[in-house]
C-alpha atoms as a PDB file:
ATOM      1  CA  UNK A   1     -33.550 -13.385  -2.976  1.00  0.00           C
ATOM      2  CA  UNK A   2     -31.271 -16.335  -2.271  1.00  0.00           C
ATOM      3  CA  UNK A   3     -27.861 -16.003  -0.684  1.00  0.00           C
ATOM      4  CA  UNK A   4     -24.860 -16.579  -3.030  1.00  0.00           C
ATOM      5  CA  UNK A   5     -23.310 -20.029  -2.736  1.00  0.00           C
ATOM      6  CA  UNK A   6     -20.305 -18.711  -0.795  1.00  0.00           C
ATOM      7  CA  UNK A   7     -16.570 -18.504  -1.311  1.00  0.00           C
ATOM      8  CA  UNK A   8     -13.915 -19.585   1.165  1.00  0.00           C
ATOM      9  CA  UNK A   9     -12.904 -16.898   3.690  1.00  0.00           C
ATOM     10  CA  UNK A  10      -9.184 -17.404   3.116  1.00  0.00           C
ATOM     11  CA  UNK A  11      -9.506 -17.103  -0.672  1.00  0.00           C
ATOM     12  CA  UNK A  12     -11.685 -14.005  -0.347  1.00  0.00           C
ATOM     13  CA  UNK A  13      -9.199 -12.460   2.058  1.00  0.00           C
ATOM     14  CA  UNK A  14      -6.549 -12.491  -0.679  1.00  0.00           C
ATOM     15  CA  UNK A  15      -8.896 -10.532  -2.954  1.00  0.00           C
ATOM     16  CA  UNK A  16      -9.758  -8.198  -0.067  1.00  0.00           C
ATOM     17  CA  UNK A  17      -6.042  -7.474   0.416  1.00  0.00           C
ATOM     18  CA  UNK A  18      -5.682  -6.557  -3.266  1.00  0.00           C
ATOM     19  CA  UNK A  19      -8.615  -4.145  -3.207  1.00  0.00           C
ATOM     20  CA  UNK A  20      -7.335  -2.444  -0.046  1.00  0.00           C
ATOM     21  CA  UNK A  21      -3.978  -1.863  -1.723  1.00  0.00           C
ATOM     22  CA  UNK A  22      -5.707  -0.667  -4.904  1.00  0.00           C
ATOM     23  CA  UNK A  23      -7.588   1.851  -2.738  1.00  0.00           C
ATOM     24  CA  UNK A  24      -4.219   3.122  -1.492  1.00  0.00           C
ATOM     25  CA  UNK A  25      -4.813   2.109   2.102  1.00  0.00           C
ATOM     26  CA  UNK A  26      -1.758   2.225   4.334  1.00  0.00           C
ATOM     27  CA  UNK A  27       0.114  -1.057   4.758  1.00  0.00           C
ATOM     28  CA  UNK A  28      -0.718  -0.920   8.435  1.00  0.00           C
ATOM     29  CA  UNK A  29      -4.450  -0.806   7.629  1.00  0.00           C
ATOM     30  CA  UNK A  30      -4.129  -3.581   5.042  1.00  0.00           C
ATOM     31  CA  UNK A  31      -2.376  -5.807   7.567  1.00  0.00           C
ATOM     32  CA  UNK A  32      -4.820  -5.029  10.389  1.00  0.00           C
ATOM     33  CA  UNK A  33      -7.935  -5.682   8.287  1.00  0.00           C
ATOM     34  CA  UNK A  34      -6.729  -8.859   6.628  1.00  0.00           C
ATOM     35  CA  UNK A  35      -5.340 -10.170   9.926  1.00  0.00           C
ATOM     36  CA  UNK A  36      -8.847  -9.851  11.381  1.00  0.00           C
ATOM     37  CA  UNK A  37     -10.264 -12.061   8.614  1.00  0.00           C
ATOM     38  CA  UNK A  38      -7.398 -14.552   8.912  1.00  0.00           C
ATOM     39  CA  UNK A  39      -7.880 -14.834  12.662  1.00  0.00           C
ATOM     40  CA  UNK A  40     -11.640 -15.261  12.300  1.00  0.00           C
ATOM     41  CA  UNK A  41     -11.056 -18.093   9.816  1.00  0.00           C
ATOM     42  CA  UNK A  42      -8.641 -19.746  12.242  1.00  0.00           C
ATOM     43  CA  UNK A  43     -11.111 -19.373  15.104  1.00  0.00           C
ATOM     44  CA  UNK A  44     -13.928 -20.950  13.066  1.00  0.00           C
ATOM     45  CA  UNK A  45     -11.685 -23.785  11.852  1.00  0.00           C
ATOM     46  CA  UNK A  46     -10.658 -24.593  15.426  1.00  0.00           C
ATOM     47  CA  UNK A  47     -14.325 -24.879  16.394  1.00  0.00           C
ATOM     48  CA  UNK A  48     -15.147 -27.001  13.363  1.00  0.00           C
ATOM     49  CA  UNK A  49     -17.406 -24.331  11.856  1.00  0.00           C
ATOM     50  CA  UNK A  50     -17.735 -23.888   8.069  1.00  0.00           C
ATOM     51  CA  UNK A  51     -15.359 -21.405   6.432  1.00  0.00           C
ATOM     52  CA  UNK A  52     -17.537 -20.196   3.552  1.00  0.00           C
ATOM     53  CA  UNK A  53     -18.384 -16.506   3.768  1.00  0.00           C
ATOM     54  CA  UNK A  54     -22.121 -17.148   3.500  1.00  0.00           C
ATOM     55  CA  UNK A  55     -22.033 -19.528   6.472  1.00  0.00           C
ATOM     56  CA  UNK A  56     -20.621 -16.926   8.858  1.00  0.00           C
ATOM     57  CA  UNK A  57     -23.311 -15.658  11.242  1.00  0.00           C
ATOM     58  CA  UNK A  58     -23.573 -12.863  13.729  1.00  0.00           C
ATOM     59  CA  UNK A  59     -23.163 -15.424  16.523  1.00  0.00           C
ATOM     60  CA  UNK A  60     -19.874 -16.599  15.004  1.00  0.00           C
ATOM     61  CA  UNK A  61     -18.507 -13.065  14.959  1.00  0.00           C
ATOM     62  CA  UNK A  62     -19.778 -12.297  18.456  1.00  0.00           C
ATOM     63  CA  UNK A  63     -18.039 -15.422  19.759  1.00  0.00           C
ATOM     64  CA  UNK A  64     -14.817 -14.457  17.979  1.00  0.00           C
ATOM     65  CA  UNK A  65     -14.856 -10.897  19.379  1.00  0.00           C
ATOM     66  CA  UNK A  66     -15.615 -12.265  22.863  1.00  0.00           C
ATOM     67  CA  UNK A  67     -12.611 -14.570  22.537  1.00  0.00           C
ATOM     68  CA  UNK A  68     -10.447 -11.614  21.532  1.00  0.00           C
ATOM     69  CA  UNK A  69     -11.664  -9.636  24.550  1.00  0.00           C
ATOM     70  CA  UNK A  70     -10.845 -12.548  26.850  1.00  0.00           C
ATOM     71  CA  UNK A  71      -7.234 -12.699  25.679  1.00  0.00           C
ATOM     72  CA  UNK A  72      -6.321  -9.234  24.386  1.00  0.00           C
ATOM     73  CA  UNK A  73      -6.801  -5.554  25.065  1.00  0.00           C
ATOM     74  CA  UNK A  74     -10.210  -4.017  24.218  1.00  0.00           C
ATOM     75  CA  UNK A  75      -8.526  -1.753  21.657  1.00  0.00           C
ATOM     76  CA  UNK A  76      -7.200  -4.809  19.800  1.00  0.00           C
ATOM     77  CA  UNK A  77     -10.635  -6.467  19.792  1.00  0.00           C
ATOM     78  CA  UNK A  78     -12.089  -3.190  18.529  1.00  0.00           C
ATOM     79  CA  UNK A  79      -9.596  -3.147  15.650  1.00  0.00           C
ATOM     80  CA  UNK A  80     -10.517  -6.738  14.750  1.00  0.00           C
ATOM     81  CA  UNK A  81     -14.169  -5.707  14.709  1.00  0.00           C
ATOM     82  CA  UNK A  82     -13.427  -2.816  12.355  1.00  0.00           C
ATOM     83  CA  UNK A  83     -11.457  -5.081  10.026  1.00  0.00           C
ATOM     84  CA  UNK A  84     -14.278  -7.628   9.841  1.00  0.00           C
ATOM     85  CA  UNK A  85     -16.874  -4.928   9.297  1.00  0.00           C
ATOM     86  CA  UNK A  86     -14.898  -3.594   6.337  1.00  0.00           C
ATOM     87  CA  UNK A  87     -14.424  -7.115   4.958  1.00  0.00           C
ATOM     88  CA  UNK A  88     -18.096  -8.092   5.068  1.00  0.00           C
ATOM     89  CA  UNK A  89     -19.156  -4.730   3.646  1.00  0.00           C
ATOM     90  CA  UNK A  90     -16.760  -5.340   0.756  1.00  0.00           C
ATOM     91  CA  UNK A  91     -18.101  -8.902   0.309  1.00  0.00           C
ATOM     92  CA  UNK A  92     -21.648  -7.516  -0.018  1.00  0.00           C
ATOM     93  CA  UNK A  93     -20.527  -4.936  -2.576  1.00  0.00           C
ATOM     94  CA  UNK A  94     -18.791  -7.694  -4.538  1.00  0.00           C
ATOM     95  CA  UNK A  95     -21.920  -9.858  -4.597  1.00  0.00           C
ATOM     96  CA  UNK A  96     -20.381 -12.554  -2.404  1.00  0.00           C
ATOM     97  CA  UNK A  97     -23.010 -11.876   0.270  1.00  0.00           C
ATOM     98  CA  UNK A  98     -26.524 -10.497   0.206  1.00  0.00           C
ATOM     99  CA  UNK A  99     -26.358  -9.016   3.715  1.00  0.00           C
ATOM    100  CA  UNK A 100     -23.449  -8.577   6.098  1.00  0.00           C
ATOM    101  CA  UNK A 101     -23.739 -10.731   9.227  1.00  0.00           C
ATOM    102  CA  UNK A 102     -22.552  -7.685  11.192  1.00  0.00           C
ATOM    103  CA  UNK A 103     -25.630  -5.562  10.480  1.00  0.00           C
ATOM    104  CA  UNK A 104     -26.894  -4.256  13.810  1.00  0.00           C
ATOM    105  CA  UNK A 105     -23.754  -5.239  15.722  1.00  0.00           C
ATOM    106  CA  UNK A 106     -22.006  -2.738  17.956  1.00  0.00           C
ATOM    107  CA  UNK A 107     -18.223  -2.573  18.392  1.00  0.00           C
ATOM    108  CA  UNK A 108     -16.668  -3.552  21.735  1.00  0.00           C
ATOM    109  CA  UNK A 109     -16.279  -0.631  24.091  1.00  0.00           C
ATOM    110  CA  UNK A 110     -12.798   0.734  24.711  1.00  0.00           C
ATOM    111  CA  UNK A 111     -12.277   1.915  28.305  1.00  0.00           C
ATOM    112  CA  UNK A 112     -11.106   5.494  28.317  1.00  0.00           C
ATOM    113  CA  UNK A 113      -7.444   5.556  29.246  1.00  0.00           C
ATOM    114  CA  UNK A 114      -5.470   8.803  29.161  1.00  0.00           C
ATOM    115  CA  UNK A 115      -2.755   8.534  26.499  1.00  0.00           C
ATOM    116  CA  UNK A 116       0.697   8.419  28.119  1.00  0.00           C
ATOM    117  CA  UNK A 117       2.192  11.905  28.133  1.00  0.00           C
ATOM    118  CA  UNK A 118       5.807  12.730  28.982  1.00  0.00           C
ATOM    119  CA  UNK A 119       6.677  15.516  31.388  1.00  0.00           C
ATOM    120  CA  UNK A 120       9.338  18.125  30.719  1.00  0.00           C
ATOM    121  CA  UNK A 121      11.837  16.388  33.026  1.00  0.00           C
ATOM    122  CA  UNK A 122      11.373  13.103  31.145  1.00  0.00           C
ATOM    123  CA  UNK A 123      11.885  14.847  27.812  1.00  0.00           C
ATOM    124  CA  UNK A 124      15.085  16.457  29.090  1.00  0.00           C
ATOM    125  CA  UNK A 125      16.348  13.042  30.256  1.00  0.00           C
ATOM    126  CA  UNK A 126      15.546  11.588  26.840  1.00  0.00           C
ATOM    127  CA  UNK A 127      17.496  14.325  25.069  1.00  0.00           C
ATOM    128  CA  UNK A 128      20.367  14.000  27.526  1.00  0.00           C
ATOM    129  CA  UNK A 129      20.598  10.322  26.560  1.00  0.00           C
ATOM    130  CA  UNK A 130      21.504  11.468  23.027  1.00  0.00           C
ATOM    131  CA  UNK A 131      24.293  13.825  24.038  1.00  0.00           C
ATOM    132  CA  UNK A 132      27.499  13.498  22.056  1.00  0.00           C
ATOM    133  CA  UNK A 133      29.122  14.523  18.796  1.00  0.00           C
ATOM    134  CA  UNK A 134      29.312  11.171  17.049  1.00  0.00           C
ATOM    135  CA  UNK A 135      27.003  10.311  14.172  1.00  0.00           C
ATOM    136  CA  UNK A 136      24.439   8.213  16.147  1.00  0.00           C
ATOM    137  CA  UNK A 137      24.152  10.968  18.761  1.00  0.00           C
ATOM    138  CA  UNK A 138      23.579  13.675  16.129  1.00  0.00           C
ATOM    139  CA  UNK A 139      21.049  11.510  14.287  1.00  0.00           C
ATOM    140  CA  UNK A 140      19.112  10.364  17.342  1.00  0.00           C
ATOM    141  CA  UNK A 141      18.904  13.885  18.756  1.00  0.00           C
ATOM    142  CA  UNK A 142      17.483  15.119  15.448  1.00  0.00           C
ATOM    143  CA  UNK A 143      14.962  12.269  15.257  1.00  0.00           C
ATOM    144  CA  UNK A 144      13.711  12.746  18.808  1.00  0.00           C
ATOM    145  CA  UNK A 145      13.543  16.533  18.557  1.00  0.00           C
ATOM    146  CA  UNK A 146      11.611  16.290  15.278  1.00  0.00           C
ATOM    147  CA  UNK A 147       9.127  13.826  16.782  1.00  0.00           C
ATOM    148  CA  UNK A 148       8.739  16.010  19.888  1.00  0.00           C
ATOM    149  CA  UNK A 149       8.321  19.216  17.922  1.00  0.00           C
ATOM    150  CA  UNK A 150       5.901  18.012  15.251  1.00  0.00           C
ATOM    151  CA  UNK A 151       3.971  15.033  16.608  1.00  0.00           C
ATOM    152  CA  UNK A 152       4.448  13.205  13.314  1.00  0.00           C
ATOM    153  CA  UNK A 153       3.964   9.437  13.173  1.00  0.00           C
ATOM    154  CA  UNK A 154       6.936   7.055  13.111  1.00  0.00           C
ATOM    155  CA  UNK A 155       6.099   5.941   9.556  1.00  0.00           C
ATOM    156  CA  UNK A 156       5.915   9.582   8.455  1.00  0.00           C
ATOM    157  CA  UNK A 157       9.266  10.334  10.062  1.00  0.00           C
ATOM    158  CA  UNK A 158      10.953   7.332   8.446  1.00  0.00           C
ATOM    159  CA  UNK A 159       9.545   8.267   5.032  1.00  0.00           C
ATOM    160  CA  UNK A 160      11.108  11.748   4.874  1.00  0.00           C
ATOM    161  CA  UNK A 161      13.507  12.391   1.983  1.00  0.00           C
ATOM    162  CA  UNK A 162      15.815  15.360   1.426  1.00  0.00           C
ATOM    163  CA  UNK A 163      13.401  17.190  -0.854  1.00  0.00           C
ATOM    164  CA  UNK A 164      10.792  17.156   1.940  1.00  0.00           C
ATOM    165  CA  UNK A 165      12.944  19.185   4.322  1.00  0.00           C
ATOM    166  CA  UNK A 166      13.362  22.976   4.332  1.00  0.00           C
ATOM    167  CA  UNK A 167      15.604  24.155   7.161  1.00  0.00           C
ATOM    168  CA  UNK A 168      15.326  27.828   6.226  1.00  0.00           C
ATOM    169  CA  UNK A 169      11.535  27.875   6.418  1.00  0.00           C
ATOM    170  CA  UNK A 170      11.605  25.304   9.251  1.00  0.00           C
ATOM    171  CA  UNK A 171       9.054  23.008   7.683  1.00  0.00           C
ATOM    172  CA  UNK A 172       8.943  19.362   6.580  1.00  0.00           C
ATOM    173  CA  UNK A 173       6.512  17.611   4.242  1.00  0.00           C
ATOM    174  CA  UNK A 174       5.299  14.207   5.367  1.00  0.00           C
ATOM    175  CA  UNK A 175       3.102  11.569   3.769  1.00  0.00           C
ATOM    176  CA  UNK A 176       0.381  10.532   6.197  1.00  0.00           C
ATOM    177  CA  UNK A 177      -2.413   7.981   6.262  1.00  0.00           C
ATOM    178  CA  UNK A 178      -4.236   7.566   2.969  1.00  0.00           C
ATOM    179  CA  UNK A 179      -1.105   9.031   1.331  1.00  0.00           C
ATOM    180  CA  UNK A 180      -2.247  12.522   2.275  1.00  0.00           C
ATOM    181  CA  UNK A 181       0.650  14.977   2.244  1.00  0.00           C
ATOM    182  CA  UNK A 182       0.920  17.818   4.735  1.00  0.00           C
ATOM    183  CA  UNK A 183       3.527  20.410   5.708  1.00  0.00           C
ATOM    184  CA  UNK A 184       4.531  20.488   9.375  1.00  0.00           C
ATOM    185  CA  UNK A 185       6.564  23.300  10.985  1.00  0.00           C
ATOM    186  CA  UNK A 186       9.273  22.800  13.606  1.00  0.00           C
ATOM    187  CA  UNK A 187      11.207  25.062  15.973  1.00  0.00           C
ATOM    188  CA  UNK A 188      14.689  26.533  16.056  1.00  0.00           C
ATOM    189  CA  UNK A 189      16.255  23.889  18.335  1.00  0.00           C
ATOM    190  CA  UNK A 190      15.025  21.156  16.013  1.00  0.00           C
ATOM    191  CA  UNK A 191      16.422  23.133  13.082  1.00  0.00           C
ATOM    192  CA  UNK A 192      19.847  23.246  14.729  1.00  0.00           C
ATOM    193  CA  UNK A 193      19.683  19.528  15.552  1.00  0.00           C
ATOM    194  CA  UNK A 194      18.793  18.698  11.941  1.00  0.00           C
ATOM    195  CA  UNK A 195      21.558  20.930  10.620  1.00  0.00           C
ATOM    196  CA  UNK A 196      24.133  19.208  12.836  1.00  0.00           C
ATOM    197  CA  UNK A 197      22.836  15.819  11.761  1.00  0.00           C
ATOM    198  CA  UNK A 198      23.047  16.687   8.064  1.00  0.00           C
ATOM    199  CA  UNK A 199      26.666  17.770   8.449  1.00  0.00           C
ATOM    200  CA  UNK A 200      27.522  14.526  10.253  1.00  0.00           C
ATOM    201  CA  UNK A 201      25.530  12.523   7.695  1.00  0.00           C
ATOM    202  CA  UNK A 202      27.557  13.871   4.764  1.00  0.00           C
ATOM    203  CA  UNK A 203      30.544  11.695   5.685  1.00  0.00           C
ATOM    204  CA  UNK A 204      28.614   8.443   6.108  1.00  0.00           C
ATOM    205  CA  UNK A 205      28.792   5.446   3.698  1.00  0.00           C
ATOM    206  CA  UNK A 206      25.100   5.754   2.758  1.00  0.00           C
ATOM    207  CA  UNK A 207      25.101   9.540   2.386  1.00  0.00           C
ATOM    208  CA  UNK A 208      24.129   9.192  -1.304  1.00  0.00           C
ATOM    209  CA  UNK A 209      20.663   7.854  -0.432  1.00  0.00           C
ATOM    210  CA  UNK A 210      17.682  10.227  -0.803  1.00  0.00           C
ATOM    211  CA  UNK A 211      16.262   9.136   2.566  1.00  0.00           C
ATOM    212  CA  UNK A 212      16.811  11.608   5.375  1.00  0.00           C
ATOM    213  CA  UNK A 213      17.567   9.022   8.060  1.00  0.00           C
ATOM    214  CA  UNK A 214      20.328   6.478   7.542  1.00  0.00           C
ATOM    215  CA  UNK A 215      22.018   3.846   9.682  1.00  0.00           C
ATOM    216  CA  UNK A 216      24.723   1.235   9.300  1.00  0.00           C
ATOM    217  CA  UNK A 217      22.663  -0.833   6.831  1.00  0.00           C
ATOM    218  CA  UNK A 218      21.244   2.031   4.783  1.00  0.00           C
ATOM    219  CA  UNK A 219      17.918   3.881   4.936  1.00  0.00           C
ATOM    220  CA  UNK A 220      16.155   3.595   8.275  1.00  0.00           C
ATOM    221  CA  UNK A 221      12.758   1.898   8.459  1.00  0.00           C
ATOM    222  CA  UNK A 222       9.899   2.806  10.826  1.00  0.00           C
ATOM    223  CA  UNK A 223      11.137  -0.047  13.014  1.00  0.00           C
ATOM    224  CA  UNK A 224      14.573   1.580  13.116  1.00  0.00           C
ATOM    225  CA  UNK A 225      13.134   4.939  14.186  1.00  0.00           C
ATOM    226  CA  UNK A 226      11.053   3.167  16.831  1.00  0.00           C
ATOM    227  CA  UNK A 227      14.168   1.449  18.157  1.00  0.00           C
ATOM    228  CA  UNK A 228      16.077   4.729  18.424  1.00  0.00           C
ATOM    229  CA  UNK A 229      13.425   6.183  20.733  1.00  0.00           C
ATOM    230  CA  UNK A 230      12.974   2.986  22.744  1.00  0.00           C
ATOM    231  CA  UNK A 231      16.723   2.420  23.220  1.00  0.00           C
ATOM    232  CA  UNK A 232      17.544   6.022  24.133  1.00  0.00           C
ATOM    233  CA  UNK A 233      14.658   6.035  26.596  1.00  0.00           C
ATOM    234  CA  UNK A 234      15.719   2.735  28.153  1.00  0.00           C
ATOM    235  CA  UNK A 235      19.235   4.087  28.681  1.00  0.00           C
ATOM    236  CA  UNK A 236      17.859   6.674  31.135  1.00  0.00           C
ATOM    237  CA  UNK A 237      15.214   4.482  32.721  1.00  0.00           C
ATOM    238  CA  UNK A 238      12.276   5.441  30.503  1.00  0.00           C
ATOM    239  CA  UNK A 239      10.107   2.740  28.994  1.00  0.00           C
ATOM    240  CA  UNK A 240       8.535   4.455  26.038  1.00  0.00           C
ATOM    241  CA  UNK A 241       7.600   4.272  22.381  1.00  0.00           C
ATOM    242  CA  UNK A 242       7.582   7.046  19.747  1.00  0.00           C
ATOM    243  CA  UNK A 243       3.798   7.456  19.792  1.00  0.00           C
ATOM    244  CA  UNK A 244       4.117   8.880  23.288  1.00  0.00           C
ATOM    245  CA  UNK A 245       5.922  11.839  21.729  1.00  0.00           C
ATOM    246  CA  UNK A 246       2.899  12.333  19.467  1.00  0.00           C
ATOM    247  CA  UNK A 247       0.602  12.218  22.499  1.00  0.00           C
ATOM    248  CA  UNK A 248       2.860  14.664  24.311  1.00  0.00           C
ATOM    249  CA  UNK A 249       2.912  17.050  21.353  1.00  0.00           C
ATOM    250  CA  UNK A 250      -0.907  17.081  21.191  1.00  0.00           C
ATOM    251  CA  UNK A 251      -1.246  17.618  24.934  1.00  0.00           C
ATOM    252  CA  UNK A 252       1.330  20.422  24.910  1.00  0.00           C
ATOM    253  CA  UNK A 253      -0.403  22.127  21.982  1.00  0.00           C
ATOM    254  CA  UNK A 254      -3.803  22.115  23.664  1.00  0.00           C
ATOM    255  CA  UNK A 255      -2.311  23.061  27.027  1.00  0.00           C
ATOM    256  CA  UNK A 256      -0.665  26.119  25.471  1.00  0.00           C
ATOM    257  CA  UNK A 257      -4.019  27.257  24.066  1.00  0.00           C
ATOM    258  CA  UNK A 258      -3.582  25.984  20.510  1.00  0.00           C
ATOM    259  CA  UNK A 259      -6.823  25.450  18.601  1.00  0.00           C
ATOM    260  CA  UNK A 260      -8.224  21.992  18.012  1.00  0.00           C
ATOM    261  CA  UNK A 261      -8.644  22.710  14.284  1.00  0.00           C
ATOM    262  CA  UNK A 262      -4.974  23.593  13.890  1.00  0.00           C
ATOM    263  CA  UNK A 263      -3.979  20.492  15.847  1.00  0.00           C
ATOM    264  CA  UNK A 264      -6.048  18.305  13.513  1.00  0.00           C
ATOM    265  CA  UNK A 265      -4.214  19.763  10.516  1.00  0.00           C
ATOM    266  CA  UNK A 266      -0.776  19.440  12.084  1.00  0.00           C
ATOM    267  CA  UNK A 267      -1.382  15.883  13.309  1.00  0.00           C
ATOM    268  CA  UNK A 268      -2.963  14.727  10.059  1.00  0.00           C
ATOM    269  CA  UNK A 269      -6.300  13.685  11.557  1.00  0.00           C
ATOM    270  CA  UNK A 270      -9.128  13.553   9.055  1.00  0.00           C
ATOM    271  CA  UNK A 271     -11.871  13.088  11.641  1.00  0.00           C
ATOM    272  CA  UNK A 272     -12.311  14.372  15.187  1.00  0.00           C
ATOM    273  CA  UNK A 273     -12.273  10.878  16.728  1.00  0.00           C
ATOM    274  CA  UNK A 274      -8.589  10.895  17.711  1.00  0.00           C
ATOM    275  CA  UNK A 275      -8.621  14.582  18.616  1.00  0.00           C
ATOM    276  CA  UNK A 276     -11.569  14.009  20.958  1.00  0.00           C
ATOM    277  CA  UNK A 277      -9.760  11.104  22.618  1.00  0.00           C
ATOM    278  CA  UNK A 278      -6.591  13.128  23.181  1.00  0.00           C
ATOM    279  CA  UNK A 279      -8.420  16.259  24.301  1.00  0.00           C
ATOM    280  CA  UNK A 280     -10.852  14.541  26.648  1.00  0.00           C
ATOM    281  CA  UNK A 281      -8.222  12.370  28.290  1.00  0.00           C
ATOM    282  CA  UNK A 282      -6.174  15.337  29.524  1.00  0.00           C
ATOM    283  CA  UNK A 283      -8.850  18.050  29.673  1.00  0.00           C
ATOM    284  CA  UNK A 284      -9.253  17.888  33.459  1.00  0.00           C
ATOM    285  CA  UNK A 285      -5.538  18.341  34.107  1.00  0.00           C
ATOM    286  CA  UNK A 286      -5.295  21.214  31.616  1.00  0.00           C
ATOM    287  CA  UNK A 287      -8.289  22.886  33.255  1.00  0.00           C
ATOM    288  CA  UNK A 288      -6.607  22.664  36.678  1.00  0.00           C
ATOM    289  CA  UNK A 289      -3.403  24.173  35.297  1.00  0.00           C
ATOM    290  CA  UNK A 290      -5.324  26.972  33.591  1.00  0.00           C
ATOM    291  CA  UNK A 291      -7.171  27.661  36.833  1.00  0.00           C
ATOM    292  CA  UNK A 292      -3.921  28.062  38.725  1.00  0.00           C
ATOM    293  CA  UNK A 293      -2.741  30.604  36.147  1.00  0.00           C
ATOM    294  CA  UNK A 294      -5.997  32.550  36.094  1.00  0.00           C
ATOM    295  CA  UNK A 295      -7.642  32.127  39.490  1.00  0.00           C
ATOM    296  CA  UNK A 296      -9.313  35.393  40.499  1.00  0.00           C
ATOM    297  CA  UNK A 297      -8.912  34.905  44.235  1.00  0.00           C
ATOM    298  CA  UNK A 298      -5.130  34.741  44.077  1.00  0.00           C
ATOM    299  CA  UNK A 299      -4.972  37.967  42.074  1.00  0.00           C
ATOM    300  CA  UNK A 300      -7.058  40.008  44.507  1.00  0.00           C
END
């Protein structure tokens, strides 16, 4: 069977973007996958290689991934690999290719690095940075406590609307990856912080908006939530990003004896891949702490 004549990578990438959106992939996934194809096309063009999809070989992709590894983190190169694998699989299904050039290829290895986890003293410093009774202080305290208490993603936090929040039952509904909805509980201190924020919010110019989080310009975006955490952390000497609060939540849950199955549901993980990474990275430390609590010799 002969190979199809071959369409241009850039033109196919536009169609690939449309199908990803039609499949309800998150915008982050759409961007990551199509960026991988765009960057591959740029890499091939710079080398003077053909840009038709049928002309792309395994050697081309291996050279591109090697170039990514030379300049970027292994995790980034791994994400590029995943994007290209999805693209060429789609091209085969669409009849643009007979066989993917990535058949038999293995993804680049990601060195195991423990996810950054915040200690209790760091969390207290972060909350202290939000002290005050003005609107930004009330809002930022509520945002940080909610992220700490639930481990939700920044995009999930930014997407919360009033109807998602139930302060009496202490639960919030969030829309996760793949537009999968889940209910996440939170504690009493977060409830009080949210209640104070809502009272302060009522007098703000954008109080009529359905979005839970508002700022000077209106509804807050994921970038705005990210900036709140980064800026409050920087003010007390902490260089951090909101995902560290998600890491910290997962570590705290497992350290307190919470089950891995419950953590998967709360964190919105569909597969065990991320759970295994979080659990394995901090398992040794948790085992040492458990030993100190339960050592037989010290009890006798």
